[in-house]
Protein backbone atom coordinates (compact mmCIF):
# COMPACT_ATOMS: atom_id res chain seq x y z
CA MET A 1 63.22 36.96 155.76
CA SER A 2 60.33 36.53 158.34
CA ASN A 3 57.55 34.08 158.17
CA THR A 4 55.41 36.75 156.24
CA LEU A 5 56.86 38.07 153.09
CA THR A 6 55.91 42.08 152.22
CA ASP A 7 54.55 42.58 148.91
CA VAL A 8 58.29 44.21 148.51
CA GLU A 9 60.15 40.96 149.33
CA LEU A 10 57.58 38.46 147.21
CA SER A 11 58.33 40.86 144.13
CA GLU A 12 62.24 40.91 144.57
CA TYR A 13 62.16 37.46 145.56
CA VAL A 14 60.24 36.46 142.28
CA ALA A 15 61.88 38.58 140.11
CA GLN A 16 65.09 37.14 141.10
CA ALA A 17 63.68 33.27 140.55
CA LYS A 18 62.51 34.51 136.75
CA THR A 19 65.98 35.65 136.42
CA ASP A 20 67.45 32.49 137.79
CA ALA A 21 65.39 30.29 135.86
CA ALA A 22 65.70 32.03 132.22
CA PHE A 23 69.69 31.73 132.66
CA ALA A 24 69.11 27.83 133.44
CA PHE A 25 67.18 27.34 130.65
CA GLU A 26 69.18 29.13 128.31
CA PHE A 27 72.62 27.37 129.38
CA LEU A 28 70.75 24.07 129.17
CA LYS A 29 69.39 24.79 125.70
CA ASP A 30 72.69 26.17 124.58
CA SER A 31 74.50 23.08 125.74
CA GLY A 32 72.16 20.66 124.11
CA THR A 33 70.80 19.42 127.35
CA LEU A 34 67.40 19.80 126.81
CA THR A 35 65.16 18.04 123.63
CA ALA A 36 64.38 20.32 120.28
CA SER A 37 60.69 20.60 122.30
CA LEU A 38 62.44 22.39 125.22
CA ILE A 39 60.17 20.75 127.42
CA PHE A 40 61.25 22.88 130.73
CA ASN A 41 58.87 23.69 133.82
CA ILE A 42 59.68 24.97 137.18
CA ALA A 43 58.21 24.47 140.89
CA HIS A 44 60.11 26.58 143.71
CA ARG A 45 58.84 26.66 146.95
CA ILE A 46 60.23 29.57 148.67
CA PRO A 47 62.17 28.25 151.99
CA GLY A 48 60.35 28.79 154.92
CA HIS A 49 56.93 29.78 153.24
CA ASP A 50 53.70 28.40 152.30
CA THR A 51 54.26 29.85 148.82
CA LEU A 52 54.74 27.91 145.60
CA LEU A 53 56.33 29.69 142.53
CA SER A 54 55.70 27.77 139.11
CA VAL A 55 57.42 28.93 135.88
CA ARG A 56 56.71 27.54 132.55
CA PHE A 57 58.60 28.43 129.46
CA PRO A 58 57.02 28.37 125.71
CA SER A 59 57.49 25.86 123.23
CA PRO A 60 59.50 26.48 120.69
CA TRP A 61 56.89 26.94 117.84
CA THR A 62 54.67 29.22 120.09
CA ARG A 63 55.30 33.32 118.74
CA ASP A 64 54.59 34.16 122.48
CA LYS A 65 57.99 33.84 124.09
CA GLU A 66 57.03 35.28 127.34
CA VAL A 67 58.07 33.33 130.07
CA LYS A 68 55.05 32.51 132.77
CA ILE A 69 55.10 32.91 136.32
CA SER A 70 52.17 31.95 138.76
CA ILE A 71 51.98 32.08 142.84
CA SER A 72 49.86 29.58 144.82
CA LYS A 73 49.87 28.60 148.48
CA PHE A 74 52.09 25.31 148.63
CA SER A 75 49.74 24.01 151.21
CA ASP A 76 46.98 23.81 148.45
CA HIS A 77 49.36 20.95 146.67
CA LYS A 78 48.77 17.86 148.96
CA ASP A 79 50.71 15.54 146.71
CA HIS A 80 53.90 17.53 145.74
CA ILE A 81 56.92 15.84 146.16
CA LEU A 82 58.66 19.02 147.23
CA SER A 83 56.41 18.06 150.48
CA GLU A 84 58.54 14.84 151.15
CA GLU A 85 60.79 16.31 153.47
CA ARG A 86 63.40 13.09 153.28
CA LEU A 87 64.39 14.60 149.62
CA GLU A 88 65.66 18.06 151.61
CA SER A 89 64.65 19.83 148.48
CA ASP A 90 62.80 22.79 147.41
CA THR A 91 62.69 23.07 143.34
CA LEU A 92 61.26 20.78 141.13
CA ILE A 93 62.06 20.76 137.37
CA HIS A 94 60.34 19.05 134.75
CA ALA A 95 62.12 18.48 131.73
CA HIS A 96 62.87 16.15 128.69
CA THR A 97 66.86 15.54 128.12
CA PRO A 98 67.36 13.48 124.43
CA HIS A 99 69.56 10.60 126.58
CA LEU A 100 67.51 10.27 129.73
CA ALA A 101 64.53 10.29 127.73
CA ALA A 102 66.06 7.38 125.93
CA TRP A 103 66.69 5.40 129.37
CA SER A 104 62.89 6.52 130.02
CA LEU A 105 61.56 4.31 127.18
CA SER A 106 63.85 1.40 128.06
CA HIS A 107 61.93 1.44 131.54
CA LYS A 108 64.82 0.65 133.23
CA PRO A 109 66.46 2.95 136.18
CA PHE A 110 69.36 5.00 134.97
CA PRO A 111 72.81 3.83 136.94
CA ILE A 112 74.97 6.80 137.51
CA LEU A 113 78.72 5.61 136.56
CA TYR A 114 80.13 9.20 135.64
CA VAL A 115 82.33 10.76 138.30
CA ALA A 116 81.48 14.52 137.35
CA ALA A 117 78.09 13.61 138.23
CA GLN A 118 78.35 11.12 141.16
CA ARG A 119 80.83 13.41 143.26
CA HIS A 120 77.46 16.11 143.69
CA LEU A 121 75.24 13.25 144.21
CA LEU A 122 74.67 10.73 146.84
CA ALA A 123 72.40 8.42 144.86
CA ARG A 124 73.61 5.92 142.38
CA GLU A 125 70.54 5.41 140.03
CA ILE A 126 68.20 7.77 139.18
CA PRO A 127 64.33 5.32 139.05
CA ASN A 128 61.94 4.82 136.48
CA HIS A 129 58.50 5.90 137.25
CA LEU A 130 56.74 3.35 135.63
CA GLU A 131 53.23 3.01 137.58
CA ARG A 132 52.03 6.40 136.03
CA THR A 133 48.44 6.12 137.41
CA ARG A 134 50.40 6.58 140.91
CA THR A 135 52.25 10.18 141.56
CA VAL A 136 55.55 10.96 141.54
CA LEU A 137 55.17 11.07 145.64
CA ASP A 138 53.54 8.29 146.40
CA VAL A 139 56.18 6.30 144.01
CA VAL A 140 59.32 8.01 145.65
CA ARG A 141 58.19 7.67 149.27
CA GLU A 142 57.47 4.03 148.68
CA ARG A 143 60.91 3.78 147.56
CA LEU A 144 62.25 5.54 150.59
CA ASP A 145 60.28 3.44 152.76
CA LYS A 146 61.33 0.32 151.11
CA HIS A 147 65.07 1.03 150.80
CA PRO A 148 66.40 3.40 153.58
CA GLU A 149 69.69 1.64 152.83
CA LEU A 150 69.64 3.44 149.66
CA ALA A 151 70.08 7.37 149.41
CA PRO A 152 67.42 9.53 147.94
CA PRO A 153 66.97 9.67 143.91
CA PRO A 154 67.73 13.32 142.91
CA ALA A 155 65.29 12.42 140.13
CA LEU A 156 62.56 9.96 138.46
CA LEU A 157 62.52 9.29 135.06
CA GLU A 158 59.21 9.52 133.33
CA SER A 159 58.48 6.49 131.93
CA ASN A 160 58.34 7.10 127.92
CA GLY A 161 59.05 10.65 128.55
CA GLY A 162 61.11 13.02 129.94
CA ALA A 163 61.80 13.42 133.92
CA ASN A 164 61.51 15.16 137.42
CA PHE A 165 64.19 16.66 138.45
CA TRP A 166 64.52 18.39 142.21
CA GLY A 167 67.06 19.60 144.68
CA LYS A 168 67.92 22.96 146.39
CA GLY A 169 67.45 26.32 144.24
CA ILE A 170 66.97 26.76 140.65
CA LEU A 171 70.29 27.08 139.85
CA LYS A 172 71.92 24.07 141.52
CA THR A 173 68.88 21.78 140.47
CA ALA A 174 69.34 22.69 136.87
CA GLN A 175 73.34 22.31 137.11
CA LEU A 176 72.30 18.68 138.26
CA ILE A 177 70.48 18.41 135.30
CA LEU A 178 73.06 19.23 133.00
CA LEU A 179 75.69 16.80 134.50
CA ILE A 180 73.17 13.59 134.55
CA GLU A 181 72.39 14.19 131.23
CA GLU A 182 75.45 14.04 130.22
CA SER A 183 76.28 10.98 132.41
CA ALA A 184 73.69 9.18 130.34
CA ARG A 185 75.44 10.72 126.57
CA LEU A 186 78.59 9.48 127.56
CA GLN A 187 77.20 6.08 128.92
CA ALA A 188 75.04 5.68 125.50
CA ILE A 189 78.30 6.27 123.60
CA ALA A 190 80.19 3.89 125.85
CA ALA A 191 77.47 1.25 125.26
CA GLN A 192 79.48 1.29 121.61
CA ILE A 193 82.90 0.12 123.08
CA GLY A 194 81.62 -2.52 125.47
CA GLY A 195 79.53 -0.46 127.85
CA ALA A 196 80.22 1.75 131.08
CA GLN A 197 81.76 0.05 133.93
CA VAL A 198 81.34 0.13 137.73
CA TYR A 199 83.74 2.43 139.55
CA THR A 200 87.37 1.10 140.20
CA PRO A 201 88.47 0.57 143.89
CA GLY A 202 88.43 4.12 145.81
CA ALA A 203 87.10 6.12 142.87
CA LEU A 204 83.79 6.78 144.72
CA ASP A 205 85.43 7.81 147.90
CA LEU A 206 88.13 10.14 146.03
CA GLN A 207 84.88 12.03 143.98
CA TRP A 208 82.85 12.51 147.70
CA LYS A 209 85.91 13.86 149.57
CA ARG A 210 85.90 16.59 146.55
CA THR A 211 82.56 17.52 147.51
CA GLY A 212 82.33 16.63 151.41
CA LEU A 213 79.63 14.22 150.78
CA LEU A 214 81.85 10.77 151.63
CA GLU A 215 80.29 10.78 155.27
CA ARG A 216 76.99 10.90 154.09
CA ALA A 217 77.40 8.85 151.18
CA ARG A 218 78.90 6.08 153.29
CA ALA A 219 75.91 6.18 155.61
CA PHE A 220 73.64 4.49 153.02
CA ALA A 221 74.73 0.68 152.82
CA GLY A 222 73.11 -0.15 148.92
CA ASP A 223 74.07 1.51 145.72
CA TYR A 224 71.25 -0.05 143.85
CA ALA A 225 67.79 -0.86 144.08
CA PRO A 226 67.11 -4.80 143.95
CA ALA A 227 66.11 -5.82 140.40
């Protein structure tokens, strides 16, 4: 694709993005990953272009069920989290999921202790956005600057709310939401029988080998941010 999108190319791209977004919404809804309010909105930057697609889904109590798409210049969004290159992301999804929302209410970061999620992620935890007067971009950049020994987080819990997730592509980002929420659900269940424990020796290496992330993961010396 050239640096300039033709009307036809943009139309085709938007149509595919809308299809992917609708599919992602349905599998997250059907799997119980989203809360009953079905809060799920997407921002996607077309790679290599100054174009941002915004996809908004209707609330469950509205009669208008049409998925809304808007197009704007990415450069007009100065404080957008997708402008942070260290995150290597082109997609932002804001969603409310039951168990991660519970962690957001606790005002604590969420440690990822479930291998099905961790094997796809370099980061070991999801931070909590406690200073809501600051932008997501400011909070994440400060963490990246202060803690280069930690892998960049794939999400940020929204204190007393939902979470913002980012990644490559609409579908892959949505798949990570399912896995991270599944981890939070299982860790909540484990709390009833003594709590989720840290990984046994070698477990993380085995998981990252399966997804080709071992070398990159081991480049980061730290696991969790200092308490």
